[in-house]
Amino acid sequence: MRTFDKLSQVQKNMNQYLFKIKTSNWIRLNYNNNNNMSLSILVDNGEALISFSCTFLSNGSDLTQSKV
């Protein structure tokens, strides 16, 4: 696991959080809100990994959908 050199941007807008962490050879973008939705994009040496997950509440049950 690499450690990051600096936290280049932290932006808070109401209930939305965007974190941009930049190192010498990879960038990670994370987005989360209070509705159990998240988006993560990791770019490492020209390759991108995109992950999206969302939890829905239906009749008191959790329905989680995730895509990687």
C-alpha atoms as a PDB file:
ATOM      1  CA  MET A   1       0.000   0.000   0.000  1.00  0.00           C
ATOM      2  CA  ARG A   2       1.388   3.353  -1.033  1.00  0.00           C
ATOM      3  CA  THR A   3       1.179   6.356   1.213  1.00  0.00           C
ATOM      4  CA  PHE A   4       0.016   9.614  -0.288  1.00  0.00           C
ATOM      5  CA  ASP A   5       2.277  12.618  -0.543  1.00  0.00           C
ATOM      6  CA  LYS A   6      -0.395  15.236   0.000  1.00  0.00           C
ATOM      7  CA  LEU A   7      -4.120  15.723   0.213  1.00  0.00           C
ATOM      8  CA  SER A   8      -4.497  18.119  -2.689  1.00  0.00           C
ATOM      9  CA  GLN A   9      -8.178  18.980  -2.365  1.00  0.00           C
ATOM     10  CA  VAL A  10     -10.911  18.496   0.199  1.00  0.00           C
ATOM     11  CA  GLN A  11     -14.264  20.015  -0.651  1.00  0.00           C
ATOM     12  CA  LYS A  12     -17.341  19.856   1.572  1.00  0.00           C
ATOM     13  CA  ASN A  13     -20.660  20.971   0.110  1.00  0.00           C
ATOM     14  CA  MET A  14     -23.649  20.335   2.383  1.00  0.00           C
ATOM     15  CA  ASN A  15     -23.749  16.528   2.726  1.00  0.00           C
ATOM     16  CA  GLN A  16     -21.389  15.811  -0.161  1.00  0.00           C
ATOM     17  CA  TYR A  17     -17.707  15.073   0.260  1.00  0.00           C
ATOM     18  CA  LEU A  18     -15.104  14.943  -2.506  1.00  0.00           C
ATOM     19  CA  PHE A  19     -11.557  13.884  -1.739  1.00  0.00           C
ATOM     20  CA  LYS A  20      -8.764  14.106  -4.277  1.00  0.00           C
ATOM     21  CA  ILE A  21      -5.513  12.487  -3.195  1.00  0.00           C
ATOM     22  CA  LYS A  22      -2.550  12.837  -5.540  1.00  0.00           C
ATOM     23  CA  THR A  23       0.796  11.081  -5.416  1.00  0.00           C
ATOM     24  CA  SER A  24       3.655  10.783  -7.852  1.00  0.00           C
ATOM     25  CA  ASN A  25       1.987   8.022  -9.872  1.00  0.00           C
ATOM     26  CA  TRP A  26      -1.651   7.582  -8.869  1.00  0.00           C
ATOM     27  CA  ILE A  27      -4.801   9.639  -8.287  1.00  0.00           C
ATOM     28  CA  ARG A  28      -7.820   8.565  -6.248  1.00  0.00           C
ATOM     29  CA  LEU A  29     -11.187  10.376  -6.299  1.00  0.00           C
ATOM     30  CA  ASN A  30     -13.796   9.426  -3.701  1.00  0.00           C
ATOM     31  CA  TYR A  31     -17.372  10.713  -3.482  1.00  0.00           C
ATOM     32  CA  ASN A  32     -19.752   9.827  -0.657  1.00  0.00           C
ATOM     33  CA  ASN A  33     -23.010  11.271   0.597  1.00  0.00           C
ATOM     34  CA  ASN A  34     -25.399  10.487   3.422  1.00  0.00           C
ATOM     35  CA  ASN A  35     -27.668   8.418   1.150  1.00  0.00           C
ATOM     36  CA  ASN A  36     -25.227   5.475   1.149  1.00  0.00           C
ATOM     37  CA  MET A  37     -23.959   6.232  -2.345  1.00  0.00           C
ATOM     38  CA  SER A  38     -20.261   6.137  -3.135  1.00  0.00           C
ATOM     39  CA  LEU A  39     -18.055   6.511  -6.193  1.00  0.00           C
ATOM     40  CA  SER A  40     -14.344   5.776  -6.252  1.00  0.00           C
ATOM     41  CA  ILE A  41     -11.998   6.291  -9.210  1.00  0.00           C
ATOM     42  CA  LEU A  42      -8.388   5.143  -8.968  1.00  0.00           C
ATOM     43  CA  VAL A  43      -5.997   5.929 -11.824  1.00  0.00           C
ATOM     44  CA  ASP A  44      -2.666   4.135 -11.516  1.00  0.00           C
ATOM     45  CA  ASN A  45      -0.051   4.372 -14.279  1.00  0.00           C
ATOM     46  CA  GLY A  46      -2.657   4.917 -16.997  1.00  0.00           C
ATOM     47  CA  GLU A  47      -5.106   2.230 -15.796  1.00  0.00           C
ATOM     48  CA  ALA A  48      -8.418   3.204 -14.197  1.00  0.00           C
ATOM     49  CA  LEU A  49     -10.469   1.301 -11.625  1.00  0.00           C
ATOM     50  CA  ILE A  50     -13.976   2.696 -11.128  1.00  0.00           C
ATOM     51  CA  SER A  51     -16.152   1.477  -8.269  1.00  0.00           C
ATOM     52  CA  PHE A  52     -19.748   2.522  -7.610  1.00  0.00           C
ATOM     53  CA  SER A  53     -21.991   1.319  -4.819  1.00  0.00           C
ATOM     54  CA  CYS A  54     -25.434   2.310  -3.659  1.00  0.00           C
ATOM     55  CA  THR A  55     -27.649   0.979  -0.867  1.00  0.00           C
ATOM     56  CA  PHE A  56     -31.399   1.276  -1.279  1.00  0.00           C
ATOM     57  CA  LEU A  57     -33.957   0.786   1.473  1.00  0.00           C
ATOM     58  CA  SER A  58     -37.026  -1.201   0.449  1.00  0.00           C
ATOM     59  CA  ASN A  59     -39.627  -2.245   3.045  1.00  0.00           C
ATOM     60  CA  GLY A  60     -37.034  -2.055   5.786  1.00  0.00           C
ATOM     61  CA  SER A  61     -34.545  -4.244   3.911  1.00  0.00           C
ATOM     62  CA  ASP A  62     -31.181  -3.202   2.562  1.00  0.00           C
ATOM     63  CA  LEU A  63     -30.656  -3.786  -1.156  1.00  0.00           C
ATOM     64  CA  THR A  64     -27.045  -3.120  -2.060  1.00  0.00           C
ATOM     65  CA  GLN A  65     -25.802  -2.812  -5.619  1.00  0.00           C
ATOM     66  CA  SER A  66     -22.128  -2.587  -6.396  1.00  0.00           C
ATOM     67  CA  LYS A  67     -20.177  -2.331  -9.652  1.00  0.00           C
ATOM     68  CA  VAL A  68     -16.423  -2.626  -9.976  1.00  0.00           C
END
